[in-house]
N, C-alpha and C. Protein backbone atom coordinates (compact mmCIF):
# COMPACT_ATOMS: atom_id res chain seq x y z
N MET A 1 -58.65 -3.55 -153.74
CA MET A 1 -58.52 -2.13 -153.97
C MET A 1 -59.38 -1.38 -152.95
N GLN A 2 -58.88 -0.24 -152.48
CA GLN A 2 -59.61 0.54 -151.49
C GLN A 2 -59.74 1.98 -151.95
N ASN A 3 -60.78 2.63 -151.46
CA ASN A 3 -61.03 4.02 -151.78
C ASN A 3 -61.00 4.82 -150.48
N GLU A 4 -60.21 5.89 -150.43
CA GLU A 4 -60.16 6.72 -149.23
C GLU A 4 -60.95 8.00 -149.46
N THR A 5 -61.77 8.33 -148.49
CA THR A 5 -62.52 9.57 -148.53
C THR A 5 -62.34 10.27 -147.19
N THR A 6 -62.59 11.55 -147.18
CA THR A 6 -62.50 12.31 -145.95
C THR A 6 -63.90 12.75 -145.55
N GLU A 7 -64.26 12.44 -144.32
CA GLU A 7 -65.53 12.88 -143.77
C GLU A 7 -65.22 13.75 -142.56
N TYR A 8 -66.22 14.42 -142.05
CA TYR A 8 -66.04 15.28 -140.89
C TYR A 8 -66.89 14.77 -139.76
N ILE A 9 -66.37 14.84 -138.55
CA ILE A 9 -67.06 14.32 -137.39
C ILE A 9 -67.21 15.44 -136.35
N SER A 10 -68.43 15.64 -135.89
CA SER A 10 -68.69 16.63 -134.85
C SER A 10 -68.43 15.99 -133.49
N TYR A 11 -68.43 16.80 -132.45
CA TYR A 11 -68.24 16.25 -131.11
C TYR A 11 -69.39 15.31 -130.76
N ASN A 12 -70.61 15.67 -131.12
CA ASN A 12 -71.75 14.80 -130.83
C ASN A 12 -71.64 13.46 -131.55
N GLU A 13 -71.13 13.48 -132.78
CA GLU A 13 -70.91 12.23 -133.51
C GLU A 13 -69.80 11.41 -132.86
N PHE A 14 -68.78 12.11 -132.37
CA PHE A 14 -67.71 11.42 -131.65
C PHE A 14 -68.26 10.70 -130.41
N ILE A 15 -69.10 11.39 -129.64
CA ILE A 15 -69.69 10.80 -128.44
C ILE A 15 -70.55 9.58 -128.81
N ALA A 16 -71.34 9.71 -129.87
CA ALA A 16 -72.16 8.59 -130.32
C ALA A 16 -71.30 7.41 -130.72
N SER A 17 -70.21 7.67 -131.42
CA SER A 17 -69.30 6.62 -131.84
C SER A 17 -68.62 5.96 -130.64
N ALA A 18 -68.20 6.76 -129.67
CA ALA A 18 -67.58 6.21 -128.46
C ALA A 18 -68.57 5.32 -127.72
N SER A 19 -69.82 5.73 -127.65
CA SER A 19 -70.84 4.93 -126.96
C SER A 19 -71.08 3.61 -127.68
N ILE A 20 -71.16 3.66 -129.00
CA ILE A 20 -71.35 2.43 -129.79
C ILE A 20 -70.16 1.49 -129.61
N ASN A 21 -68.95 2.05 -129.71
CA ASN A 21 -67.75 1.22 -129.52
C ASN A 21 -67.72 0.61 -128.14
N TYR A 22 -68.06 1.38 -127.12
CA TYR A 22 -68.06 0.87 -125.76
C TYR A 22 -69.06 -0.28 -125.61
N GLU A 23 -70.25 -0.12 -126.15
CA GLU A 23 -71.26 -1.18 -126.05
C GLU A 23 -70.81 -2.46 -126.75
N MET A 24 -70.17 -2.33 -127.90
CA MET A 24 -69.66 -3.50 -128.62
C MET A 24 -68.55 -4.19 -127.82
N ILE A 25 -67.67 -3.39 -127.25
CA ILE A 25 -66.56 -3.93 -126.45
C ILE A 25 -67.11 -4.63 -125.21
N LYS A 26 -68.10 -4.00 -124.56
CA LYS A 26 -68.70 -4.57 -123.36
C LYS A 26 -69.39 -5.91 -123.68
N LYS A 27 -70.12 -5.96 -124.78
CA LYS A 27 -70.80 -7.19 -125.19
C LYS A 27 -69.82 -8.31 -125.48
N ALA A 28 -68.62 -7.95 -125.91
CA ALA A 28 -67.58 -8.94 -126.20
C ALA A 28 -66.91 -9.44 -124.92
N GLY A 29 -67.31 -8.89 -123.78
CA GLY A 29 -66.78 -9.35 -122.50
C GLY A 29 -65.55 -8.61 -122.01
N SER A 30 -65.21 -7.52 -122.64
CA SER A 30 -64.03 -6.76 -122.22
C SER A 30 -64.31 -6.00 -120.92
N PRO A 31 -63.30 -5.91 -120.05
CA PRO A 31 -63.47 -5.15 -118.80
C PRO A 31 -63.20 -3.65 -118.96
N LEU A 32 -63.00 -3.19 -120.19
CA LEU A 32 -62.72 -1.76 -120.39
C LEU A 32 -63.88 -0.90 -119.90
N ARG A 33 -63.53 0.24 -119.34
CA ARG A 33 -64.53 1.21 -118.90
C ARG A 33 -64.80 2.20 -120.04
N TYR A 34 -65.96 2.86 -119.98
CA TYR A 34 -66.29 3.86 -120.99
C TYR A 34 -65.23 4.95 -121.02
N GLY A 35 -64.75 5.37 -119.86
CA GLY A 35 -63.73 6.42 -119.81
C GLY A 35 -62.48 6.06 -120.59
N GLN A 36 -62.11 4.78 -120.55
CA GLN A 36 -60.95 4.33 -121.32
C GLN A 36 -61.23 4.42 -122.82
N VAL A 37 -62.38 3.94 -123.23
CA VAL A 37 -62.75 3.97 -124.64
C VAL A 37 -62.79 5.42 -125.14
N TYR A 38 -63.44 6.29 -124.39
CA TYR A 38 -63.54 7.70 -124.75
C TYR A 38 -62.15 8.31 -124.92
N PHE A 39 -61.28 8.09 -123.92
CA PHE A 39 -59.97 8.73 -123.95
C PHE A 39 -59.11 8.20 -125.10
N VAL A 40 -59.11 6.89 -125.31
CA VAL A 40 -58.29 6.31 -126.38
C VAL A 40 -58.77 6.82 -127.74
N MET A 41 -60.09 6.87 -127.93
CA MET A 41 -60.62 7.40 -129.20
C MET A 41 -60.27 8.88 -129.36
N LEU A 42 -60.36 9.64 -128.29
CA LEU A 42 -59.99 11.06 -128.34
C LEU A 42 -58.52 11.22 -128.69
N ASP A 43 -57.67 10.40 -128.06
CA ASP A 43 -56.23 10.47 -128.32
C ASP A 43 -55.90 10.11 -129.77
N ASP A 44 -56.64 9.17 -130.34
CA ASP A 44 -56.42 8.80 -131.74
C ASP A 44 -56.84 9.93 -132.68
N LEU A 45 -57.95 10.56 -132.39
CA LEU A 45 -58.50 11.58 -133.27
C LEU A 45 -57.91 12.97 -133.04
N HIS A 46 -57.73 13.33 -131.76
CA HIS A 46 -57.20 14.65 -131.40
C HIS A 46 -56.22 14.52 -130.24
N PRO A 47 -55.00 14.07 -130.52
CA PRO A 47 -54.02 13.90 -129.43
C PRO A 47 -53.74 15.20 -128.68
N GLU A 48 -53.87 16.34 -129.37
CA GLU A 48 -53.60 17.62 -128.71
C GLU A 48 -54.66 17.93 -127.66
N ILE A 49 -55.88 17.49 -127.86
CA ILE A 49 -56.94 17.68 -126.86
C ILE A 49 -56.74 16.68 -125.73
N ALA A 50 -56.44 15.45 -126.09
CA ALA A 50 -56.20 14.42 -125.06
C ALA A 50 -55.07 14.85 -124.13
N ASP A 51 -54.03 15.45 -124.69
CA ASP A 51 -52.91 15.91 -123.87
C ASP A 51 -53.32 16.99 -122.88
N LYS A 52 -54.31 17.80 -123.25
CA LYS A 52 -54.77 18.86 -122.35
C LYS A 52 -55.52 18.33 -121.14
N ILE A 53 -56.13 17.15 -121.25
CA ILE A 53 -56.88 16.60 -120.11
C ILE A 53 -56.18 15.43 -119.44
N ARG A 54 -55.14 14.92 -120.07
CA ARG A 54 -54.41 13.76 -119.52
C ARG A 54 -53.91 14.07 -118.11
N ASN A 55 -54.17 13.13 -117.18
CA ASN A 55 -53.72 13.24 -115.79
C ASN A 55 -54.23 14.49 -115.08
N THR A 56 -55.41 14.95 -115.46
CA THR A 56 -56.06 16.07 -114.77
C THR A 56 -57.40 15.55 -114.26
N PRO A 57 -58.11 16.32 -113.46
CA PRO A 57 -59.44 15.88 -113.01
C PRO A 57 -60.43 15.66 -114.17
N LEU A 58 -60.12 16.18 -115.35
CA LEU A 58 -60.99 15.99 -116.51
C LEU A 58 -60.73 14.67 -117.24
N ASP A 59 -59.62 14.01 -116.94
CA ASP A 59 -59.25 12.77 -117.61
C ASP A 59 -60.21 11.65 -117.19
N PRO A 60 -60.98 11.09 -118.16
CA PRO A 60 -61.96 10.06 -117.81
C PRO A 60 -61.39 8.64 -117.80
N PHE A 61 -60.11 8.46 -118.10
CA PHE A 61 -59.56 7.12 -118.31
C PHE A 61 -59.83 6.16 -117.15
N TYR A 62 -59.72 6.62 -115.93
CA TYR A 62 -59.89 5.73 -114.78
C TYR A 62 -61.31 5.77 -114.20
N HIS A 63 -62.25 6.23 -114.99
CA HIS A 63 -63.63 6.36 -114.53
C HIS A 63 -64.60 5.60 -115.44
N GLU A 64 -65.75 5.33 -114.91
CA GLU A 64 -66.79 4.63 -115.67
C GLU A 64 -67.40 5.51 -116.76
N LYS A 65 -67.30 6.82 -116.60
CA LYS A 65 -67.87 7.74 -117.60
C LYS A 65 -67.02 9.00 -117.68
N ALA A 66 -67.33 9.80 -118.69
CA ALA A 66 -66.71 11.12 -118.81
C ALA A 66 -67.63 12.10 -118.11
N SER A 67 -67.07 12.93 -117.26
CA SER A 67 -67.88 13.88 -116.49
C SER A 67 -68.47 14.98 -117.37
N THR A 68 -69.45 15.65 -116.84
CA THR A 68 -70.04 16.80 -117.53
C THR A 68 -68.96 17.85 -117.79
N ASP A 69 -68.08 18.06 -116.82
CA ASP A 69 -66.99 19.03 -117.00
C ASP A 69 -66.07 18.62 -118.16
N THR A 70 -65.80 17.31 -118.27
CA THR A 70 -64.97 16.82 -119.36
C THR A 70 -65.64 17.09 -120.69
N HIS A 71 -66.92 16.73 -120.79
CA HIS A 71 -67.66 16.96 -122.04
C HIS A 71 -67.67 18.45 -122.41
N GLU A 72 -67.94 19.30 -121.45
CA GLU A 72 -68.01 20.73 -121.73
C GLU A 72 -66.66 21.28 -122.20
N PHE A 73 -65.59 20.86 -121.54
CA PHE A 73 -64.27 21.35 -121.91
C PHE A 73 -63.88 20.87 -123.30
N VAL A 74 -64.00 19.56 -123.54
CA VAL A 74 -63.58 19.01 -124.83
C VAL A 74 -64.43 19.59 -125.96
N GLU A 75 -65.72 19.69 -125.75
CA GLU A 75 -66.58 20.26 -126.79
C GLU A 75 -66.22 21.72 -127.08
N SER A 76 -65.82 22.46 -126.04
CA SER A 76 -65.49 23.88 -126.22
C SER A 76 -64.24 24.10 -127.07
N ILE A 77 -63.35 23.11 -127.13
CA ILE A 77 -62.14 23.26 -127.94
C ILE A 77 -62.12 22.31 -129.14
N TRP A 78 -63.23 21.61 -129.36
CA TRP A 78 -63.32 20.70 -130.51
C TRP A 78 -63.25 21.52 -131.80
N PRO A 79 -62.36 21.16 -132.72
CA PRO A 79 -62.27 21.91 -133.98
C PRO A 79 -63.57 21.84 -134.78
N GLU A 80 -63.88 22.92 -135.45
CA GLU A 80 -65.12 22.98 -136.23
C GLU A 80 -65.16 21.91 -137.31
N ARG A 81 -64.02 21.66 -137.93
CA ARG A 81 -63.96 20.65 -138.99
C ARG A 81 -62.94 19.59 -138.61
N THR A 82 -63.40 18.53 -138.00
CA THR A 82 -62.53 17.43 -137.63
C THR A 82 -62.57 16.40 -138.74
N GLU A 83 -61.45 16.23 -139.43
CA GLU A 83 -61.40 15.28 -140.53
C GLU A 83 -61.27 13.86 -140.03
N LEU A 84 -61.95 12.97 -140.69
CA LEU A 84 -61.92 11.55 -140.38
C LEU A 84 -61.73 10.82 -141.69
N GLU A 85 -60.56 10.20 -141.87
CA GLU A 85 -60.32 9.47 -143.11
C GLU A 85 -61.03 8.13 -143.04
N VAL A 86 -61.75 7.82 -144.09
CA VAL A 86 -62.52 6.59 -144.17
C VAL A 86 -62.03 5.79 -145.36
N THR A 87 -61.66 4.54 -145.09
CA THR A 87 -61.21 3.66 -146.17
C THR A 87 -62.29 2.61 -146.39
N THR A 88 -62.74 2.52 -147.62
CA THR A 88 -63.77 1.55 -147.97
C THR A 88 -63.29 0.68 -149.11
N PRO A 89 -63.61 -0.61 -149.06
CA PRO A 89 -63.23 -1.49 -150.17
C PRO A 89 -63.99 -1.11 -151.44
N VAL A 90 -63.31 -1.20 -152.56
CA VAL A 90 -63.94 -0.92 -153.85
C VAL A 90 -63.99 -2.23 -154.60
N SER A 91 -65.19 -2.63 -155.03
CA SER A 91 -65.31 -3.88 -155.76
C SER A 91 -64.78 -3.68 -157.19
N GLU A 92 -64.18 -4.72 -157.67
CA GLU A 92 -63.57 -4.64 -159.01
C GLU A 92 -64.53 -5.05 -160.08
């Protein structure tokens, strides 16, 4: 049995999560770049924002990091309340 709750994630929490995910992926030996991890996570959470930077100079996918300009732009349009559904196992 699982329990679903809704939490909210700020842009700073998103960045922290992307960094943690990238470090875990890197430790596992994956050749993925941080820019790829950032963009894929952004596309999962806010596809409408990802679409605005896709294939533009702000798109970090082919880079080792997300530029300052990318961070400033994405943060400026980040919704105030970004919902994040969390599923947790419930012990019986």
